[in-house]
Amino acid sequence: MTELTHIDTDGNAVMVDIMKKNESERIAIAAGSIFMKSTTLELINKRAVKKGDVLSIAQIAGIMGSKRTPDLIPLCHPINLTSVNLILTPNINESSIRIEATCKVVGKTGVEMEALTAVTVTALTIYDMCKAADREMRISDIRLTYKAGGKSGEYREIE
């Protein structure tokens, strides 16, 4: 079994020491979905939500959220992201929006948490902007789908 890196030998929470790690290009991709009523998705697609352009605002919120990850996750290292890209894809058949975040950095630690935070904040923003029309929205399947860089190498979600 792999050791937990944020727990010391006495069981205390610790921030991992990355001082001796080598810098490398790192990338992480996370994805998730938000499911809603078809009428809610129609409002979003028509840009008819009173609070504004849901997809554009949610995209910006996700980028901002990724940059605030160490403020939200106690043992997460602050990093200088080099790129954050969010793709929001409405799916009429499933009455959902698929969210995919790609984060990149050149550094000593990965960007998985930043990508996962970007997806989560994006989904929460969509929920917040549309809750007056649909309180039954469901955020689902937020997960890491890909990572590369660092000594642990590449990970790809099994589909």
Protein backbone atom coordinates (compact mmCIF):
# COMPACT_ATOMS: atom_id res chain seq x y z
CA MET A 1 0.00 0.00 0.00
CA THR A 2 1.27 3.49 -0.82
CA GLU A 3 2.10 5.75 2.11
CA LEU A 4 0.06 8.88 2.63
CA THR A 5 2.40 11.81 2.02
CA HIS A 6 0.56 14.38 4.15
CA ILE A 7 0.83 12.36 7.38
CA ASP A 8 4.05 12.03 9.38
CA THR A 9 5.12 8.95 11.35
CA ASP A 10 3.23 10.23 14.41
CA GLY A 11 0.00 10.69 12.45
CA ASN A 12 0.24 14.49 12.26
CA ALA A 13 -0.76 16.46 9.18
CA VAL A 14 2.24 17.90 7.31
CA MET A 15 2.84 19.85 4.14
CA VAL A 16 5.05 17.70 1.90
CA ASP A 17 8.64 18.99 1.62
CA ILE A 18 9.29 19.52 -2.09
CA MET A 19 12.62 21.31 -1.66
CA LYS A 20 14.71 18.56 -3.26
CA LYS A 21 12.28 17.70 -6.05
CA ASN A 22 13.23 18.65 -9.60
CA GLU A 23 11.19 21.14 -11.55
CA SER A 24 9.42 19.70 -14.55
CA GLU A 25 6.56 20.49 -16.89
CA ARG A 26 3.38 19.20 -15.32
CA ILE A 27 -0.16 18.97 -16.63
CA ALA A 28 -3.42 17.79 -15.13
CA ILE A 29 -6.84 17.42 -16.67
CA ALA A 30 -9.99 17.02 -14.60
CA ALA A 31 -13.59 16.63 -15.67
CA GLY A 32 -17.09 16.58 -14.25
CA SER A 33 -20.67 17.31 -15.19
CA ILE A 34 -23.67 19.21 -13.96
CA PHE A 35 -27.07 17.77 -14.81
CA MET A 36 -30.19 19.91 -14.96
CA LYS A 37 -33.70 20.22 -16.33
CA SER A 38 -33.86 20.59 -20.10
CA THR A 39 -35.53 23.98 -19.63
CA THR A 40 -32.56 25.17 -17.57
CA LEU A 41 -30.08 24.08 -20.23
CA GLU A 42 -32.21 25.87 -22.82
CA LEU A 43 -32.04 29.10 -20.78
CA ILE A 44 -28.26 28.77 -20.56
CA ASN A 45 -27.87 28.09 -24.28
CA LYS A 46 -30.11 31.04 -25.18
CA ARG A 47 -28.18 33.26 -22.75
CA ALA A 48 -31.51 34.04 -21.09
CA VAL A 49 -30.47 33.60 -17.44
CA LYS A 50 -31.05 36.92 -15.65
CA LYS A 51 -27.69 36.80 -13.86
CA GLY A 52 -25.79 36.85 -17.17
CA ASP A 53 -23.91 34.61 -19.60
CA VAL A 54 -23.65 31.49 -17.44
CA LEU A 55 -20.97 29.66 -19.41
CA SER A 56 -18.61 32.65 -19.72
CA ILE A 57 -18.96 33.60 -16.07
CA ALA A 58 -18.55 29.99 -14.91
CA GLN A 59 -15.43 29.63 -17.07
CA ILE A 60 -13.86 32.71 -15.48
CA ALA A 61 -14.87 31.51 -12.00
CA GLY A 62 -13.18 28.14 -12.63
CA ILE A 63 -9.95 29.83 -13.68
CA MET A 64 -10.07 32.06 -10.61
CA GLY A 65 -10.82 29.07 -8.40
CA SER A 66 -7.83 27.13 -9.70
CA LYS A 67 -5.58 30.02 -8.71
CA ARG A 68 -7.02 29.98 -5.15
CA THR A 69 -6.61 26.25 -4.54
CA PRO A 70 -4.01 26.56 -1.74
CA ASP A 71 -6.40 28.91 0.09
CA LEU A 72 -9.04 26.17 0.08
CA ILE A 73 -7.03 22.96 0.50
CA PRO A 74 -4.93 23.30 3.68
CA LEU A 75 -1.83 21.29 2.70
CA CYS A 76 -1.75 22.25 -0.99
CA HIS A 77 1.37 24.12 -2.16
CA PRO A 78 0.94 27.54 -3.77
CA ILE A 79 2.14 27.27 -7.36
CA ASN A 80 2.55 29.61 -10.32
CA LEU A 81 0.16 28.22 -12.89
CA THR A 82 1.34 28.77 -16.45
CA SER A 83 -2.01 27.92 -18.05
CA VAL A 84 -5.61 27.16 -17.13
CA ASN A 85 -8.09 26.20 -19.83
CA LEU A 86 -11.73 25.34 -19.28
CA ILE A 87 -14.01 23.75 -21.85
CA LEU A 88 -17.75 23.68 -21.13
CA THR A 89 -19.77 21.43 -23.42
CA PRO A 90 -23.56 21.43 -23.22
CA ASN A 91 -25.19 18.06 -23.96
CA ILE A 92 -28.85 18.42 -24.94
CA ASN A 93 -29.49 14.64 -24.90
CA GLU A 94 -28.28 14.28 -21.29
CA SER A 95 -29.45 17.75 -20.23
CA SER A 96 -26.02 18.44 -18.82
CA ILE A 97 -22.87 20.47 -19.19
CA ARG A 98 -19.56 18.63 -19.24
CA ILE A 99 -16.70 20.60 -17.70
CA GLU A 100 -13.06 19.91 -18.49
CA ALA A 101 -10.17 21.83 -16.94
CA THR A 102 -6.55 21.63 -18.05
CA CYS A 103 -3.92 23.15 -15.77
CA LYS A 104 -0.21 23.45 -16.52
CA VAL A 105 2.84 24.48 -14.53
CA VAL A 106 6.60 24.22 -14.54
CA GLY A 107 7.35 23.35 -10.95
CA LYS A 108 8.17 20.88 -8.20
CA THR A 109 4.63 19.70 -7.55
CA GLY A 110 1.65 18.72 -9.64
CA VAL A 111 -1.50 20.58 -10.63
CA GLU A 112 -4.14 17.91 -10.01
CA MET A 113 -5.78 19.83 -7.18
CA GLU A 114 -5.93 23.01 -9.27
CA ALA A 115 -7.66 21.18 -12.14
CA LEU A 116 -10.13 19.52 -9.77
CA THR A 117 -10.84 22.85 -8.07
CA ALA A 118 -11.40 24.53 -11.44
CA VAL A 119 -14.04 21.95 -12.38
CA THR A 120 -15.73 22.17 -8.99
CA VAL A 121 -15.89 25.96 -8.89
CA THR A 122 -17.16 26.04 -12.48
CA ALA A 123 -19.98 23.61 -11.62
CA LEU A 124 -20.85 25.51 -8.44
CA THR A 125 -21.02 28.76 -10.37
CA ILE A 126 -23.43 27.24 -12.89
CA TYR A 127 -25.53 26.00 -9.99
CA ASP A 128 -25.50 29.40 -8.29
CA MET A 129 -26.45 31.27 -11.44
CA CYS A 130 -29.31 28.90 -12.30
CA LYS A 131 -30.68 27.84 -8.91
CA ALA A 132 -33.69 30.17 -9.17
CA ALA A 133 -34.84 28.16 -12.20
CA ASP A 134 -33.69 24.71 -11.08
CA ARG A 135 -32.86 23.56 -7.56
CA GLU A 136 -32.63 19.93 -8.72
CA MET A 137 -29.31 20.36 -10.55
CA ARG A 138 -26.80 17.65 -9.73
CA ILE A 139 -23.01 17.98 -9.85
CA SER A 140 -21.45 14.64 -10.66
CA ASP A 141 -18.35 12.63 -11.52
CA ILE A 142 -15.63 15.17 -10.73
CA ARG A 143 -12.38 13.33 -11.26
CA LEU A 144 -8.82 13.45 -12.52
CA THR A 145 -8.70 12.18 -16.10
CA TYR A 146 -5.03 12.77 -16.95
CA LYS A 147 -1.76 13.87 -15.41
CA ALA A 148 1.81 13.97 -16.61
CA GLY A 149 5.11 15.17 -15.24
CA GLY A 150 6.98 14.62 -12.02
CA LYS A 151 8.48 11.39 -10.78
CA SER A 152 5.16 9.51 -10.64
CA GLY A 153 4.84 9.92 -14.42
CA GLU A 154 1.70 9.69 -16.48
CA TYR A 155 -1.80 8.77 -15.36
CA ARG A 156 -4.75 8.35 -17.69
CA GLU A 157 -8.31 7.57 -16.65
CA ILE A 158 -9.47 4.15 -17.78
CA GLU A 159 -12.59 4.60 -19.88
